[in-house]
């Protein structure tokens, strides 16, 4: 239950055997900085409500097997700073995942 949490900073940092995680209800979380960093076997991200998150800095850095990102994942993301996505991903994302990211980050 993450309903009272305001941060998941470094929550799963270094969980090298983590291959997936369920959709998490995080209605008050504002930072996911480093949350899944170095989860080396993580391959996908479920759709999670990131509506109040303002930073994802290094959230999935070192997740070199991460290839699947759902469409519209960041559509409802809160006020993002210029460095909100700094070093967020470091894996070889699929073309569709990159397209999903670009579409969900489009602010028009």
Protein backbone atom coordinates (compact mmCIF):
# COMPACT_ATOMS: atom_id res chain seq x y z
CA UNK A 1 0.00 0.00 0.00
CA UNK A 2 1.74 3.14 -1.24
CA UNK A 3 -1.22 5.48 -0.66
CA UNK A 4 0.64 7.54 1.96
CA UNK A 5 4.06 7.46 0.27
CA UNK A 6 5.43 10.65 -1.26
CA UNK A 7 8.60 9.08 -2.62
CA UNK A 8 9.83 5.73 -3.85
CA UNK A 9 13.36 7.07 -4.27
CA UNK A 10 15.75 4.11 -4.54
CA UNK A 11 12.97 1.74 -3.36
CA UNK A 12 14.00 -1.22 -5.52
CA UNK A 13 17.52 0.01 -6.26
CA UNK A 14 19.78 -2.89 -7.15
CA UNK A 15 17.12 -5.63 -7.11
CA UNK A 16 19.07 -7.45 -9.78
CA UNK A 17 16.72 -10.47 -9.93
CA UNK A 18 13.54 -8.39 -10.36
CA UNK A 19 12.06 -9.26 -13.76
CA UNK A 20 8.70 -7.46 -13.44
CA UNK A 21 6.48 -5.65 -10.97
CA UNK A 22 2.71 -5.20 -10.73
CA UNK A 23 0.84 -2.00 -11.41
CA UNK A 24 1.32 0.04 -8.25
CA UNK A 25 -1.17 2.60 -6.97
CA UNK A 26 1.01 5.58 -6.01
CA UNK A 27 -1.45 8.49 -5.81
CA UNK A 28 0.81 10.81 -3.78
CA UNK A 29 4.29 9.88 -4.98
CA UNK A 30 6.23 12.84 -6.38
CA UNK A 31 9.64 11.25 -6.96
CA UNK A 32 10.66 7.96 -8.51
CA UNK A 33 14.33 8.92 -8.60
CA UNK A 34 16.47 5.79 -8.75
CA UNK A 35 13.47 3.60 -7.90
CA UNK A 36 14.35 0.68 -10.17
CA UNK A 37 18.01 1.50 -10.89
CA UNK A 38 20.14 -1.55 -11.67
CA UNK A 39 17.21 -3.97 -11.78
CA UNK A 40 19.23 -5.72 -14.45
CA UNK A 41 16.60 -8.35 -15.37
CA UNK A 42 13.61 -6.01 -15.56
CA UNK A 43 12.11 -6.23 -19.06
CA UNK A 44 8.90 -4.18 -18.87
CA UNK A 45 7.05 -1.49 -16.97
CA UNK A 46 3.34 -1.91 -16.22
CA UNK A 47 0.96 1.00 -16.57
CA UNK A 48 1.32 2.97 -13.33
CA UNK A 49 -0.40 6.22 -12.38
CA UNK A 50 2.49 8.70 -12.26
CA UNK A 51 0.17 11.73 -12.20
CA UNK A 52 1.94 13.54 -9.33
CA UNK A 53 5.50 12.47 -10.11
CA UNK A 54 7.83 15.35 -10.92
CA UNK A 55 11.10 13.43 -11.32
CA UNK A 56 12.11 10.09 -12.76
CA UNK A 57 15.85 10.87 -12.70
CA UNK A 58 17.78 7.55 -13.03
CA UNK A 59 14.54 5.61 -12.35
CA UNK A 60 15.36 2.77 -14.75
CA UNK A 61 19.06 3.41 -15.28
CA UNK A 62 21.01 0.18 -15.56
CA UNK A 63 17.92 -1.80 -16.59
CA UNK A 64 19.64 -3.00 -19.73
CA UNK A 65 16.97 -5.59 -20.58
CA UNK A 66 14.10 -3.10 -20.30
CA UNK A 67 12.50 -2.95 -23.72
CA UNK A 68 8.75 -2.68 -23.14
CA UNK A 69 7.16 0.60 -22.08
CA UNK A 70 3.38 0.94 -22.33
CA UNK A 71 1.78 3.72 -24.37
CA UNK A 72 0.62 6.82 -22.51
CA UNK A 73 2.67 5.96 -19.40
CA UNK A 74 3.58 9.57 -18.76
CA UNK A 75 0.44 11.27 -20.12
CA UNK A 76 -0.76 12.46 -16.73
CA UNK A 77 2.63 13.17 -15.19
CA UNK A 78 2.82 16.22 -12.92
CA UNK A 79 4.93 19.34 -13.42
CA UNK A 80 8.25 18.10 -14.76
CA UNK A 81 11.50 19.98 -14.42
CA UNK A 82 14.04 20.11 -17.23
CA UNK A 83 16.05 17.32 -15.62
CA UNK A 84 13.05 15.17 -14.63
CA UNK A 85 14.07 12.42 -17.05
CA UNK A 86 17.86 12.80 -16.75
CA UNK A 87 19.51 9.39 -17.22
CA UNK A 88 16.11 7.71 -16.79
CA UNK A 89 16.66 4.87 -19.27
CA UNK A 90 19.87 3.17 -20.31
CA UNK A 91 18.64 0.01 -21.98
CA UNK A 92 18.08 -0.73 -25.67
CA UNK A 93 14.41 0.23 -25.93
CA UNK A 94 12.31 -1.14 -28.76
CA UNK A 95 11.16 1.22 -31.48
CA UNK A 96 7.56 0.96 -30.23
CA UNK A 97 8.67 1.78 -26.66
CA UNK A 98 10.51 4.88 -27.86
CA UNK A 99 7.42 5.91 -29.84
CA UNK A 100 5.23 5.27 -26.76
CA UNK A 101 7.54 7.48 -24.70
CA UNK A 102 7.53 10.29 -27.22
CA UNK A 103 3.76 10.24 -27.59
CA UNK A 104 3.16 10.24 -23.84
CA UNK A 105 5.62 13.11 -23.31
CA UNK A 106 4.08 15.25 -26.06
CA UNK A 107 2.68 18.32 -24.29
CA UNK A 108 0.59 19.68 -27.14
